[in-house]
Protein backbone atom coordinates (compact mmCIF):
# COMPACT_ATOMS: atom_id res chain seq x y z
CA MET A 1 85.50 36.42 83.10
CA LYS A 2 82.73 38.78 84.12
CA LEU A 3 83.71 42.32 85.05
CA ASN A 4 81.49 44.00 87.59
CA ILE A 5 82.63 47.53 88.32
CA GLU A 6 81.67 49.29 91.53
CA SER A 7 82.57 52.82 92.50
CA SER A 8 82.87 53.58 96.18
CA GLY A 9 84.60 56.91 96.68
CA SER A 10 82.06 57.63 99.39
CA GLY A 11 83.13 54.52 101.29
CA GLU A 12 79.61 53.07 101.32
CA LYS A 13 80.58 49.97 99.30
CA ARG A 14 83.85 49.06 101.02
CA ASP A 15 82.28 45.79 102.21
CA LEU A 16 82.27 44.60 98.57
CA LEU A 17 86.07 44.39 98.63
CA SER A 18 85.93 40.95 100.20
CA GLN A 19 83.93 39.69 97.21
CA CYS A 20 86.20 40.97 94.44
CA ASP A 21 89.24 39.45 92.75
CA TYR A 22 90.84 42.77 91.76
CA TYR A 23 91.06 46.26 93.16
CA ILE A 24 91.40 48.90 90.45
CA ALA A 25 91.90 52.46 91.62
CA ILE A 26 91.27 55.49 89.41
CA VAL A 27 93.70 57.83 91.14
CA THR A 28 93.25 61.59 90.95
CA PRO A 29 94.29 64.37 93.32
CA ASN A 30 90.86 63.94 94.97
CA PHE A 31 91.49 60.22 95.51
CA ILE A 32 94.75 60.96 97.36
CA SER A 33 93.05 63.52 99.62
CA ASN A 34 89.88 61.47 100.29
CA PRO A 35 90.06 59.43 103.53
CA ASN A 36 87.41 57.01 102.20
CA CYS A 37 89.46 56.23 99.09
CA ILE A 38 92.64 55.81 101.11
CA GLY A 39 90.79 53.57 103.57
CA GLU A 40 89.45 51.44 100.75
CA MET A 41 92.95 51.18 99.26
CA LYS A 42 94.34 50.06 102.63
CA ASP A 43 91.52 47.54 103.04
CA ALA A 44 92.26 46.06 99.60
CA GLN A 45 95.92 45.77 100.59
CA ALA A 46 95.04 44.10 103.91
CA LEU A 47 92.76 41.62 102.12
CA GLY A 48 95.57 40.70 99.72
CA LYS A 49 93.69 41.83 96.61
CA LYS A 50 95.47 42.10 93.27
CA MET A 51 95.85 45.87 92.95
CA TYR A 52 96.02 48.00 89.80
CA ALA A 53 96.01 51.79 89.46
CA LEU A 54 95.19 54.24 86.69
CA VAL A 55 96.81 57.49 87.79
CA ASP A 56 96.11 60.99 86.51
CA LYS A 57 99.51 62.53 85.72
CA LYS A 58 98.53 65.63 87.73
CA THR A 59 98.39 63.53 90.90
CA GLU A 60 101.21 63.75 93.41
CA LEU A 61 101.50 60.23 94.80
CA THR A 62 102.13 59.83 98.51
CA LYS A 63 104.39 57.39 100.35
CA GLU A 64 101.25 55.76 101.70
CA PHE A 65 100.04 55.09 98.16
CA MET A 66 103.41 53.76 97.03
CA LYS A 67 103.63 51.34 100.00
CA CYS A 68 100.77 49.27 98.57
CA SER A 69 101.51 46.16 96.54
CA TRP A 70 100.43 47.52 93.17
CA ILE A 71 100.82 44.98 90.37
CA LEU A 72 100.67 47.75 87.78
CA ILE A 73 100.46 51.54 87.88
CA MET A 74 99.57 53.24 84.59
CA GLN A 75 99.50 56.99 84.11
CA TYR A 76 97.25 58.99 81.83
CA GLY A 77 97.24 62.65 80.90
CA ASN A 78 94.16 62.87 78.72
CA ASP A 79 91.03 60.94 77.78
CA PHE A 80 92.73 59.08 74.93
CA GLU A 81 95.47 57.76 77.22
CA TYR A 82 92.91 56.87 79.88
CA GLN A 83 90.80 54.88 77.40
CA LYS A 84 93.88 53.17 75.97
CA ASN A 85 95.01 52.13 79.47
CA CYS A 86 91.52 50.85 80.31
CA VAL A 87 91.48 48.65 77.20
CA TYR A 88 94.95 47.33 78.01
CA LEU A 89 94.01 46.58 81.62
CA LYS A 90 90.80 44.82 80.59
CA GLU A 91 92.72 42.64 78.13
CA LEU A 92 95.33 41.88 80.78
CA LEU A 93 92.72 40.78 83.31
CA GLU A 94 90.76 38.69 80.81
CA ASN A 95 93.82 36.59 79.91
């Protein structure tokens, strides 16, 4: 499996959602307050994408976020936890 990672917090790459197999959100307080990120999340949900989230523990998750069909939500509080979760998620998706 080839992983091609695109970042689109600005909303300029939302059209790439239709071409992907997975939607992986890196969720921070800024993600929750950014209409482009929320729009992208909703688009991924509407397209029926397999959705995963890496959530900064400082982030207060909204009802809107929790309504999505997340397959897995993993929290991190520091760089070590973030890296560990990324490795786990990559292994999960490759198998």
